[in-house]
């Protein structure tokens, strides 16, 4: 591209940048990608085929064990439990929670006064920008037996509950919905601003009510935004660790142990680096599949 531009401007061939001059500025970025992205991924793949450990004889000498970690992965009941809980957490807090609630808030904020949009947006975004560890402590304090929720229930005459032990997965789902809805709301708000007003007015003239306008006019135009938002929220939700770890630690009895927490427990808690990285690799493959679908979703727009 640079050579063609130079040729059109009449630059002599001897002064045009060669291939090395065009590639050289990319070397630092390529090095950073290899060091901080490809390097850890390749190490994780290698470690998942070994008996690497934090302590003991395996820490001093790592042996190649082939597919043994993956065979254990397929038969481990803890993996099955963590996979089911990850799916529940993903659907509850990502698909149904953040995506649907974000769309609802964006629709409700349309046409509202500026101070109303600012107040609602400020509250929602404030939760989003909080660090996960802070959000986890906030919700743990809210839901614990002596927390704010039980105080409100007692004032209303209801019996207090140990929410973090009785319904741990529901507790972390609600916390993640509260924290992450802002992204979906902002994405849908930006998309709704691009919906032509003429189409909505034409539908109203034809006798369509507000719900019909949203269902038959607005939502079809948001289909691509919804797909992209859903996939991005899915990729973020499937790797949530700190929020769950702070609130429940994966307990009680593994009833809130998702795949990221299981990976942490096996690799750093039990010191089984080989098996822990096998769990991490399985999670990486799932995230990679969603990324491939996301890129395929965007391809028609890039062609245009």
C-alpha atoms as a PDB file:
ATOM      1  CA  UNK A   1       0.000   0.000   0.000  1.00  0.00           C
ATOM      2  CA  UNK A   2       2.796   2.451   0.895  1.00  0.00           C
ATOM      3  CA  UNK A   3       4.704   1.529  -2.299  1.00  0.00           C
ATOM      4  CA  UNK A   4       1.600   2.082  -4.461  1.00  0.00           C
ATOM      5  CA  UNK A   5       0.975   5.466  -2.817  1.00  0.00           C
ATOM      6  CA  UNK A   6       4.619   6.479  -3.377  1.00  0.00           C
ATOM      7  CA  UNK A   7       4.418   5.399  -7.033  1.00  0.00           C
ATOM      8  CA  UNK A   8       1.298   7.493  -7.593  1.00  0.00           C
ATOM      9  CA  UNK A   9       3.050  10.502  -6.078  1.00  0.00           C
ATOM     10  CA  UNK A  10       6.040  10.099  -8.410  1.00  0.00           C
ATOM     11  CA  UNK A  11       8.543   8.900  -5.766  1.00  0.00           C
ATOM     12  CA  UNK A  12      11.509   7.136  -7.399  1.00  0.00           C
ATOM     13  CA  UNK A  13      11.660   3.347  -6.819  1.00  0.00           C
ATOM     14  CA  UNK A  14      14.972   3.734  -4.961  1.00  0.00           C
ATOM     15  CA  UNK A  15      13.283   5.852  -2.286  1.00  0.00           C
ATOM     16  CA  UNK A  16      10.191   3.683  -1.809  1.00  0.00           C
ATOM     17  CA  UNK A  17      10.029   1.730   1.503  1.00  0.00           C
ATOM     18  CA  UNK A  18      10.839  -1.924   1.117  1.00  0.00           C
ATOM     19  CA  UNK A  19       9.073  -4.873   2.786  1.00  0.00           C
ATOM     20  CA  UNK A  20      11.437  -4.789   5.775  1.00  0.00           C
ATOM     21  CA  UNK A  21      10.706  -1.108   6.433  1.00  0.00           C
ATOM     22  CA  UNK A  22       6.973  -1.795   6.391  1.00  0.00           C
ATOM     23  CA  UNK A  23       7.209  -4.832   8.694  1.00  0.00           C
ATOM     24  CA  UNK A  24       9.705  -3.415  11.184  1.00  0.00           C
ATOM     25  CA  UNK A  25       7.199  -1.136  13.028  1.00  0.00           C
ATOM     26  CA  UNK A  26       5.006  -4.200  13.698  1.00  0.00           C
ATOM     27  CA  UNK A  27       7.762  -6.148  15.448  1.00  0.00           C
ATOM     28  CA  UNK A  28       7.167  -4.711  18.963  1.00  0.00           C
ATOM     29  CA  UNK A  29       3.438  -5.433  18.758  1.00  0.00           C
ATOM     30  CA  UNK A  30       4.132  -8.940  17.453  1.00  0.00           C
ATOM     31  CA  UNK A  31       6.560  -9.557  20.306  1.00  0.00           C
ATOM     32  CA  UNK A  32       4.007  -8.427  22.896  1.00  0.00           C
ATOM     33  CA  UNK A  33       1.337 -10.689  21.386  1.00  0.00           C
ATOM     34  CA  UNK A  34       3.673 -13.685  21.457  1.00  0.00           C
ATOM     35  CA  UNK A  35       4.887 -12.967  24.993  1.00  0.00           C
ATOM     36  CA  UNK A  36       1.605 -12.153  26.698  1.00  0.00           C
ATOM     37  CA  UNK A  37      -0.975 -14.025  24.607  1.00  0.00           C
ATOM     38  CA  UNK A  38       0.458 -16.859  22.556  1.00  0.00           C
ATOM     39  CA  UNK A  39       3.048 -17.738  25.208  1.00  0.00           C
ATOM     40  CA  UNK A  40       0.603 -18.430  28.068  1.00  0.00           C
ATOM     41  CA  UNK A  41      -1.760 -20.266  25.711  1.00  0.00           C
ATOM     42  CA  UNK A  42       0.999 -22.544  24.438  1.00  0.00           C
ATOM     43  CA  UNK A  43       2.240 -23.170  27.977  1.00  0.00           C
ATOM     44  CA  UNK A  44      -1.299 -24.076  29.089  1.00  0.00           C
ATOM     45  CA  UNK A  45      -1.649 -26.534  26.220  1.00  0.00           C
ATOM     46  CA  UNK A  46       1.692 -28.138  27.077  1.00  0.00           C
ATOM     47  CA  UNK A  47       0.995 -28.307  30.827  1.00  0.00           C
ATOM     48  CA  UNK A  48      -2.386 -29.971  30.293  1.00  0.00           C
ATOM     49  CA  UNK A  49      -0.583 -33.015  28.864  1.00  0.00           C
ATOM     50  CA  UNK A  50       1.768 -33.314  31.852  1.00  0.00           C
ATOM     51  CA  UNK A  51       1.624 -34.092  35.573  1.00  0.00           C
ATOM     52  CA  UNK A  52       2.976 -30.654  36.515  1.00  0.00           C
ATOM     53  CA  UNK A  53       2.407 -29.732  40.160  1.00  0.00           C
ATOM     54  CA  UNK A  54       3.168 -26.892  42.529  1.00  0.00           C
ATOM     55  CA  UNK A  55       4.790 -29.071  45.173  1.00  0.00           C
ATOM     56  CA  UNK A  56       6.148 -32.577  45.540  1.00  0.00           C
ATOM     57  CA  UNK A  57       8.140 -34.740  43.151  1.00  0.00           C
ATOM     58  CA  UNK A  58       6.145 -33.572  40.116  1.00  0.00           C
ATOM     59  CA  UNK A  59       7.180 -29.987  40.822  1.00  0.00           C
ATOM     60  CA  UNK A  60      10.831 -30.938  40.429  1.00  0.00           C
ATOM     61  CA  UNK A  61      10.328 -33.234  37.434  1.00  0.00           C
ATOM     62  CA  UNK A  62       7.394 -32.858  35.060  1.00  0.00           C
ATOM     63  CA  UNK A  63       6.485 -35.915  32.967  1.00  0.00           C
ATOM     64  CA  UNK A  64       4.358 -36.135  29.849  1.00  0.00           C
ATOM     65  CA  UNK A  65       1.163 -38.110  30.610  1.00  0.00           C
ATOM     66  CA  UNK A  66      -0.652 -37.864  27.287  1.00  0.00           C
ATOM     67  CA  UNK A  67      -4.445 -37.713  27.491  1.00  0.00           C
ATOM     68  CA  UNK A  68      -4.682 -38.823  31.114  1.00  0.00           C
ATOM     69  CA  UNK A  69      -5.834 -35.414  32.360  1.00  0.00           C
ATOM     70  CA  UNK A  70      -8.527 -35.225  29.687  1.00  0.00           C
ATOM     71  CA  UNK A  71      -9.726 -38.770  30.424  1.00  0.00           C
ATOM     72  CA  UNK A  72     -10.098 -37.729  34.043  1.00  0.00           C
ATOM     73  CA  UNK A  73     -11.843 -34.574  32.881  1.00  0.00           C
ATOM     74  CA  UNK A  74     -14.549 -36.587  31.124  1.00  0.00           C
ATOM     75  CA  UNK A  75     -15.263 -38.804  34.134  1.00  0.00           C
ATOM     76  CA  UNK A  76     -14.875 -36.317  36.998  1.00  0.00           C
ATOM     77  CA  UNK A  77     -18.253 -35.566  38.666  1.00  0.00           C
ATOM     78  CA  UNK A  78     -16.877 -32.220  39.845  1.00  0.00           C
ATOM     79  CA  UNK A  79     -16.346 -31.201  36.217  1.00  0.00           C
ATOM     80  CA  UNK A  80     -19.915 -32.171  35.332  1.00  0.00           C
ATOM     81  CA  UNK A  81     -21.236 -30.217  38.311  1.00  0.00           C
ATOM     82  CA  UNK A  82     -19.100 -27.183  37.431  1.00  0.00           C
ATOM     83  CA  UNK A  83     -20.185 -27.348  33.785  1.00  0.00           C
ATOM     84  CA  UNK A  84     -23.872 -27.384  34.731  1.00  0.00           C
ATOM     85  CA  UNK A  85     -23.409 -24.519  37.184  1.00  0.00           C
ATOM     86  CA  UNK A  86     -21.441 -22.558  34.570  1.00  0.00           C
ATOM     87  CA  UNK A  87     -24.331 -23.009  32.135  1.00  0.00           C
ATOM     88  CA  UNK A  88     -26.846 -21.894  34.787  1.00  0.00           C
ATOM     89  CA  UNK A  89     -24.707 -18.891  35.663  1.00  0.00           C
ATOM     90  CA  UNK A  90     -24.204 -18.025  31.991  1.00  0.00           C
ATOM     91  CA  UNK A  91     -27.873 -18.276  31.016  1.00  0.00           C
ATOM     92  CA  UNK A  92     -29.182 -16.675  34.199  1.00  0.00           C
ATOM     93  CA  UNK A  93     -26.805 -13.736  34.501  1.00  0.00           C
ATOM     94  CA  UNK A  94     -25.667 -13.321  30.895  1.00  0.00           C
ATOM     95  CA  UNK A  95     -28.394 -14.306  28.442  1.00  0.00           C
ATOM     96  CA  UNK A  96     -31.543 -13.686  30.491  1.00  0.00           C
ATOM     97  CA  UNK A  97     -30.213 -11.226  33.037  1.00  0.00           C
ATOM     98  CA  UNK A  98     -27.797  -8.728  31.524  1.00  0.00           C
ATOM     99  CA  UNK A  99     -28.942  -8.929  27.902  1.00  0.00           C
ATOM    100  CA  UNK A 100     -32.700  -8.842  28.515  1.00  0.00           C
ATOM    101  CA  UNK A 101     -32.536  -6.313  31.361  1.00  0.00           C
ATOM    102  CA  UNK A 102     -30.171  -4.087  29.387  1.00  0.00           C
ATOM    103  CA  UNK A 103     -32.603  -4.066  26.448  1.00  0.00           C
ATOM    104  CA  UNK A 104     -35.542  -3.336  28.747  1.00  0.00           C
ATOM    105  CA  UNK A 105     -33.747  -0.408  30.400  1.00  0.00           C
ATOM    106  CA  UNK A 106     -32.684   0.996  27.033  1.00  0.00           C
ATOM    107  CA  UNK A 107     -36.271   0.832  25.766  1.00  0.00           C
ATOM    108  CA  UNK A 108     -37.674   2.416  28.928  1.00  0.00           C
ATOM    109  CA  UNK A 109     -35.141   5.255  28.773  1.00  0.00           C
ATOM    110  CA  UNK A 110     -36.142   6.225  25.219  1.00  0.00           C
ATOM    111  CA  UNK A 111     -37.845   9.598  25.151  1.00  0.00           C
ATOM    112  CA  UNK A 112     -37.357  10.217  28.883  1.00  0.00           C
ATOM    113  CA  UNK A 113     -36.115  13.512  30.207  1.00  0.00           C
ATOM    114  CA  UNK A 114     -32.382  14.073  30.367  1.00  0.00           C
ATOM    115  CA  UNK A 115     -32.170  14.009  34.161  1.00  0.00           C
ATOM    116  CA  UNK A 116     -34.061  10.691  34.289  1.00  0.00           C
ATOM    117  CA  UNK A 117     -31.717   9.084  31.756  1.00  0.00           C
ATOM    118  CA  UNK A 118     -28.725  10.543  33.568  1.00  0.00           C
ATOM    119  CA  UNK A 119     -29.857   9.286  36.973  1.00  0.00           C
ATOM    120  CA  UNK A 120     -30.667   5.756  35.795  1.00  0.00           C
ATOM    121  CA  UNK A 121     -27.560   5.558  33.628  1.00  0.00           C
ATOM    122  CA  UNK A 122     -25.384   6.833  36.461  1.00  0.00           C
ATOM    123  CA  UNK A 123     -26.654   4.192  38.886  1.00  0.00           C
ATOM    124  CA  UNK A 124     -26.277   1.348  36.379  1.00  0.00           C
ATOM    125  CA  UNK A 125     -22.848   2.433  35.157  1.00  0.00           C
ATOM    126  CA  UNK A 126     -21.625   2.971  38.729  1.00  0.00           C
ATOM    127  CA  UNK A 127     -22.248  -0.725  39.412  1.00  0.00           C
ATOM    128  CA  UNK A 128     -20.451  -1.647  36.190  1.00  0.00           C
ATOM    129  CA  UNK A 129     -17.256   0.280  36.959  1.00  0.00           C
ATOM    130  CA  UNK A 130     -16.889  -1.185  40.443  1.00  0.00           C
ATOM    131  CA  UNK A 131     -14.108  -3.782  40.739  1.00  0.00           C
ATOM    132  CA  UNK A 132     -15.440  -7.319  41.014  1.00  0.00           C
ATOM    133  CA  UNK A 133     -13.948  -7.761  44.467  1.00  0.00           C
ATOM    134  CA  UNK A 134     -15.813  -4.691  45.729  1.00  0.00           C
ATOM    135  CA  UNK A 135     -19.069  -5.797  44.100  1.00  0.00           C
ATOM    136  CA  UNK A 136     -18.628  -9.233  45.669  1.00  0.00           C
ATOM    137  CA  UNK A 137     -18.186  -7.792  49.164  1.00  0.00           C
ATOM    138  CA  UNK A 138     -21.174  -5.476  48.666  1.00  0.00           C
ATOM    139  CA  UNK A 139     -23.469  -8.341  47.705  1.00  0.00           C
ATOM    140  CA  UNK A 140     -22.081 -10.640  50.382  1.00  0.00           C
ATOM    141  CA  UNK A 141     -22.874  -7.983  52.984  1.00  0.00           C
ATOM    142  CA  UNK A 142     -26.327  -7.495  51.466  1.00  0.00           C
ATOM    143  CA  UNK A 143     -27.237 -11.202  51.398  1.00  0.00           C
ATOM    144  CA  UNK A 144     -25.564 -12.608  54.503  1.00  0.00           C
ATOM    145  CA  UNK A 145     -27.708 -13.636  57.470  1.00  0.00           C
ATOM    146  CA  UNK A 146     -27.118 -10.355  59.322  1.00  0.00           C
ATOM    147  CA  UNK A 147     -27.185  -8.359  56.077  1.00  0.00           C
ATOM    148  CA  UNK A 148     -29.407  -5.603  54.766  1.00  0.00           C
ATOM    149  CA  UNK A 149     -31.865  -7.874  52.937  1.00  0.00           C
ATOM    150  CA  UNK A 150     -32.679  -9.869  56.060  1.00  0.00           C
ATOM    151  CA  UNK A 151     -33.086  -6.673  58.064  1.00  0.00           C
ATOM    152  CA  UNK A 152     -35.658  -5.502  55.533  1.00  0.00           C
ATOM    153  CA  UNK A 153     -37.410  -8.876  55.618  1.00  0.00           C
ATOM    154  CA  UNK A 154     -37.542  -8.829  59.412  1.00  0.00           C
ATOM    155  CA  UNK A 155     -39.029  -5.345  59.340  1.00  0.00           C
ATOM    156  CA  UNK A 156     -41.725  -6.711  57.012  1.00  0.00           C
ATOM    157  CA  UNK A 157     -42.383  -9.652  59.350  1.00  0.00           C
ATOM    158  CA  UNK A 158     -40.623 -12.332  57.284  1.00  0.00           C
ATOM    159  CA  UNK A 159     -38.084 -14.808  58.629  1.00  0.00           C
ATOM    160  CA  UNK A 160     -34.404 -14.167  57.761  1.00  0.00           C
ATOM    161  CA  UNK A 161     -32.601 -16.598  55.483  1.00  0.00           C
ATOM    162  CA  UNK A 162     -28.987 -17.589  54.868  1.00  0.00           C
ATOM    163  CA  UNK A 163     -29.125 -16.678  51.186  1.00  0.00           C
ATOM    164  CA  UNK A 164     -25.455 -17.351  50.448  1.00  0.00           C
ATOM    165  CA  UNK A 165     -25.781 -20.922  51.723  1.00  0.00           C
ATOM    166  CA  UNK A 166     -29.389 -21.675  50.769  1.00  0.00           C
ATOM    167  CA  UNK A 167     -29.297 -20.316  47.200  1.00  0.00           C
ATOM    168  CA  UNK A 168     -25.632 -19.623  46.373  1.00  0.00           C
ATOM    169  CA  UNK A 169     -25.861 -19.833  42.579  1.00  0.00           C
ATOM    170  CA  UNK A 170     -28.898 -17.539  42.531  1.00  0.00           C
ATOM    171  CA  UNK A 171     -27.032 -15.073  44.740  1.00  0.00           C
ATOM    172  CA  UNK A 172     -24.049 -14.845  42.375  1.00  0.00           C
ATOM    173  CA  UNK A 173     -26.356 -14.657  39.346  1.00  0.00           C
ATOM    174  CA  UNK A 174     -28.141 -11.627  40.801  1.00  0.00           C
ATOM    175  CA  UNK A 175     -24.845  -9.995  41.731  1.00  0.00           C
ATOM    176  CA  UNK A 176     -23.441 -10.438  38.222  1.00  0.00           C
ATOM    177  CA  UNK A 177     -26.634  -9.111  36.632  1.00  0.00           C
ATOM    178  CA  UNK A 178     -26.431  -6.039  38.862  1.00  0.00           C
ATOM    179  CA  UNK A 179     -22.805  -5.463  37.947  1.00  0.00           C
ATOM    180  CA  UNK A 180     -22.832  -6.169  34.218  1.00  0.00           C
ATOM    181  CA  UNK A 181     -26.147  -4.836  32.872  1.00  0.00           C
ATOM    182  CA  UNK A 182     -24.674  -1.417  32.021  1.00  0.00           C
ATOM    183  CA  UNK A 183     -22.773  -2.764  28.999  1.00  0.00           C
ATOM    184  CA  UNK A 184     -25.915  -4.190  27.375  1.00  0.00           C
ATOM    185  CA  UNK A 185     -27.921  -1.076  28.206  1.00  0.00           C
ATOM    186  CA  UNK A 186     -25.360   1.226  26.561  1.00  0.00           C
ATOM    187  CA  UNK A 187     -25.043  -1.014  23.489  1.00  0.00           C
ATOM    188  CA  UNK A 188     -28.810  -1.139  22.981  1.00  0.00           C
ATOM    189  CA  UNK A 189     -29.210   2.581  23.689  1.00  0.00           C
ATOM    190  CA  UNK A 190     -26.714   3.382  20.937  1.00  0.00           C
ATOM    191  CA  UNK A 191     -28.503   1.028  18.531  1.00  0.00           C
ATOM    192  CA  UNK A 192     -31.944   2.434  19.379  1.00  0.00           C
ATOM    193  CA  UNK A 193     -30.717   5.927  18.585  1.00  0.00           C
ATOM    194  CA  UNK A 194     -30.078   4.753  15.008  1.00  0.00           C
ATOM    195  CA  UNK A 195     -33.567   3.312  14.459  1.00  0.00           C
ATOM    196  CA  UNK A 196     -35.337   5.567  11.898  1.00  0.00           C
ATOM    197  CA  UNK A 197     -38.150   7.543  13.504  1.00  0.00           C
ATOM    198  CA  UNK A 198     -40.125   7.404  10.245  1.00  0.00           C
ATOM    199  CA  UNK A 199     -40.530   3.629  10.504  1.00  0.00           C
ATOM    200  CA  UNK A 200     -41.960   3.866  14.012  1.00  0.00           C
ATOM    201  CA  UNK A 201     -44.262   6.716  13.035  1.00  0.00           C
ATOM    202  CA  UNK A 202     -45.507   4.751  10.008  1.00  0.00           C
ATOM    203  CA  UNK A 203     -46.277   1.763  12.222  1.00  0.00           C
ATOM    204  CA  UNK A 204     -48.217   3.970  14.653  1.00  0.00           C
ATOM    205  CA  UNK A 205     -50.195   5.498  11.759  1.00  0.00           C
ATOM    206  CA  UNK A 206     -51.108   1.951  10.684  1.00  0.00           C
ATOM    207  CA  UNK A 207     -52.599   1.370  14.123  1.00  0.00           C
ATOM    208  CA  UNK A 208     -49.755  -0.471  15.869  1.00  0.00           C
ATOM    209  CA  UNK A 209     -49.494   0.024  19.612  1.00  0.00           C
ATOM    210  CA  UNK A 210     -46.237   0.581  21.518  1.00  0.00           C
ATOM    211  CA  UNK A 211     -45.612  -3.149  22.042  1.00  0.00           C
ATOM    212  CA  UNK A 212     -46.268  -3.974  18.386  1.00  0.00           C
ATOM    213  CA  UNK A 213     -43.933  -1.186  17.286  1.00  0.00           C
ATOM    214  CA  UNK A 214     -41.187  -2.593  19.477  1.00  0.00           C
ATOM    215  CA  UNK A 215     -41.792  -6.201  18.436  1.00  0.00           C
ATOM    216  CA  UNK A 216     -42.304  -5.736  14.681  1.00  0.00           C
ATOM    217  CA  UNK A 217     -40.181  -2.652  13.941  1.00  0.00           C
ATOM    218  CA  UNK A 218     -37.531  -2.026  16.592  1.00  0.00           C
ATOM    219  CA  UNK A 219     -36.401  -5.538  17.552  1.00  0.00           C
ATOM    220  CA  UNK A 220     -35.821  -6.769  13.955  1.00  0.00           C
ATOM    221  CA  UNK A 221     -33.525  -3.780  13.398  1.00  0.00           C
ATOM    222  CA  UNK A 222     -31.609  -4.652  16.582  1.00  0.00           C
ATOM    223  CA  UNK A 223     -31.000  -8.272  15.600  1.00  0.00           C
ATOM    224  CA  UNK A 224     -27.317  -7.840  14.767  1.00  0.00           C
ATOM    225  CA  UNK A 225     -26.702  -5.649  17.821  1.00  0.00           C
ATOM    226  CA  UNK A 226     -28.418  -8.246  19.998  1.00  0.00           C
ATOM    227  CA  UNK A 227     -26.267 -11.045  18.566  1.00  0.00           C
ATOM    228  CA  UNK A 228     -23.018  -9.137  19.063  1.00  0.00           C
ATOM    229  CA  UNK A 229     -23.986  -7.971  22.564  1.00  0.00           C
ATOM    230  CA  UNK A 230     -25.087 -11.455  23.581  1.00  0.00           C
ATOM    231  CA  UNK A 231     -21.820 -13.009  22.439  1.00  0.00           C
ATOM    232  CA  UNK A 232     -19.663 -10.379  24.143  1.00  0.00           C
ATOM    233  CA  UNK A 233     -21.633 -10.735  27.376  1.00  0.00           C
ATOM    234  CA  UNK A 234     -21.311 -14.518  27.103  1.00  0.00           C
ATOM    235  CA  UNK A 235     -17.527 -14.342  26.728  1.00  0.00           C
ATOM    236  CA  UNK A 236     -17.288 -12.055  29.744  1.00  0.00           C
ATOM    237  CA  UNK A 237     -19.689 -14.056  31.902  1.00  0.00           C
ATOM    238  CA  UNK A 238     -18.166 -17.469  31.276  1.00  0.00           C
ATOM    239  CA  UNK A 239     -14.870 -16.356  32.828  1.00  0.00           C
ATOM    240  CA  UNK A 240     -16.195 -14.571  35.946  1.00  0.00           C
ATOM    241  CA  UNK A 241     -14.107 -15.674  38.923  1.00  0.00           C
ATOM    242  CA  UNK A 242     -13.517 -12.950  41.508  1.00  0.00           C
ATOM    243  CA  UNK A 243     -17.179 -12.125  42.121  1.00  0.00           C
ATOM    244  CA  UNK A 244     -18.101 -15.743  42.887  1.00  0.00           C
ATOM    245  CA  UNK A 245     -14.933 -16.405  44.846  1.00  0.00           C
ATOM    246  CA  UNK A 246     -15.513 -13.415  47.127  1.00  0.00           C
ATOM    247  CA  UNK A 247     -19.201 -14.144  47.706  1.00  0.00           C
ATOM    248  CA  UNK A 248     -19.287 -17.920  48.186  1.00  0.00           C
ATOM    249  CA  UNK A 249     -15.832 -19.352  47.463  1.00  0.00           C
ATOM    250  CA  UNK A 250     -17.606 -21.922  45.273  1.00  0.00           C
ATOM    251  CA  UNK A 251     -19.544 -23.347  48.205  1.00  0.00           C
ATOM    252  CA  UNK A 252     -21.272 -24.562  50.099  1.00  0.00           C
ATOM    253  CA  UNK A 253     -20.512 -28.088  48.982  1.00  0.00           C
ATOM    254  CA  UNK A 254     -19.559 -26.996  45.474  1.00  0.00           C
ATOM    255  CA  UNK A 255     -23.028 -25.583  44.739  1.00  0.00           C
ATOM    256  CA  UNK A 256     -21.569 -22.415  43.198  1.00  0.00           C
ATOM    257  CA  UNK A 257     -18.318 -23.834  41.799  1.00  0.00           C
ATOM    258  CA  UNK A 258     -18.155 -22.849  38.141  1.00  0.00           C
ATOM    259  CA  UNK A 259     -15.381 -23.942  35.771  1.00  0.00           C
ATOM    260  CA  UNK A 260     -13.071 -20.971  36.536  1.00  0.00           C
ATOM    261  CA  UNK A 261     -13.312 -21.737  40.265  1.00  0.00           C
ATOM    262  CA  UNK A 262     -12.741 -25.447  39.652  1.00  0.00           C
ATOM    263  CA  UNK A 263      -9.656 -24.621  37.590  1.00  0.00           C
ATOM    264  CA  UNK A 264      -8.343 -22.420  40.399  1.00  0.00           C
ATOM    265  CA  UNK A 265      -9.041 -25.082  43.041  1.00  0.00           C
ATOM    266  CA  UNK A 266      -7.340 -27.875  41.140  1.00  0.00           C
ATOM    267  CA  UNK A 267      -4.318 -25.867  39.967  1.00  0.00           C
ATOM    268  CA  UNK A 268      -3.595 -23.631  42.958  1.00  0.00           C
ATOM    269  CA  UNK A 269      -5.661 -25.129  45.774  1.00  0.00           C
ATOM    270  CA  UNK A 270      -4.643 -28.778  45.296  1.00  0.00           C
ATOM    271  CA  UNK A 271      -1.434 -27.961  43.411  1.00  0.00           C
ATOM    272  CA  UNK A 272      -2.347 -30.137  40.400  1.00  0.00           C
ATOM    273  CA  UNK A 273      -1.195 -27.801  37.633  1.00  0.00           C
ATOM    274  CA  UNK A 274      -1.597 -30.405  34.899  1.00  0.00           C
ATOM    275  CA  UNK A 275      -5.244 -31.166  35.637  1.00  0.00           C
ATOM    276  CA  UNK A 276      -6.053 -27.539  36.410  1.00  0.00           C
ATOM    277  CA  UNK A 277      -4.732 -26.395  33.065  1.00  0.00           C
ATOM    278  CA  UNK A 278      -6.740 -29.149  31.360  1.00  0.00           C
ATOM    279  CA  UNK A 279      -9.877 -27.616  32.882  1.00  0.00           C
ATOM    280  CA  UNK A 280      -8.648 -24.192  31.783  1.00  0.00           C
ATOM    281  CA  UNK A 281      -8.038 -25.453  28.256  1.00  0.00           C
ATOM    282  CA  UNK A 282     -11.575 -26.788  28.061  1.00  0.00           C
ATOM    283  CA  UNK A 283     -12.844 -23.362  29.119  1.00  0.00           C
ATOM    284  CA  UNK A 284     -10.548 -21.730  26.539  1.00  0.00           C
ATOM    285  CA  UNK A 285     -11.967 -23.926  23.786  1.00  0.00           C
ATOM    286  CA  UNK A 286     -15.515 -22.915  24.723  1.00  0.00           C
ATOM    287  CA  UNK A 287     -14.562 -19.234  24.679  1.00  0.00           C
ATOM    288  CA  UNK A 288     -12.797 -19.734  21.344  1.00  0.00           C
ATOM    289  CA  UNK A 289     -15.907 -21.279  19.795  1.00  0.00           C
ATOM    290  CA  UNK A 290     -17.994 -18.313  20.881  1.00  0.00           C
ATOM    291  CA  UNK A 291     -15.329 -15.958  19.483  1.00  0.00           C
ATOM    292  CA  UNK A 292     -15.461 -17.747  16.129  1.00  0.00           C
ATOM    293  CA  UNK A 293     -19.236 -17.349  16.016  1.00  0.00           C
ATOM    294  CA  UNK A 294     -18.855 -13.687  16.928  1.00  0.00           C
ATOM    295  CA  UNK A 295     -16.377 -13.050  14.131  1.00  0.00           C
ATOM    296  CA  UNK A 296     -18.630 -14.864  11.679  1.00  0.00           C
ATOM    297  CA  UNK A 297     -21.532 -12.689  12.795  1.00  0.00           C
ATOM    298  CA  UNK A 298     -19.572  -9.534  12.042  1.00  0.00           C
ATOM    299  CA  UNK A 299     -18.251 -10.674   8.656  1.00  0.00           C
ATOM    300  CA  UNK A 300     -21.228  -9.515   6.515  1.00  0.00           C
ATOM    301  CA  UNK A 301     -21.001  -6.025   8.038  1.00  0.00           C
ATOM    302  CA  UNK A 302     -17.274  -5.855   7.278  1.00  0.00           C
ATOM    303  CA  UNK A 303     -17.925  -6.826   3.651  1.00  0.00           C
ATOM    304  CA  UNK A 304     -20.396  -4.002   3.307  1.00  0.00           C
END
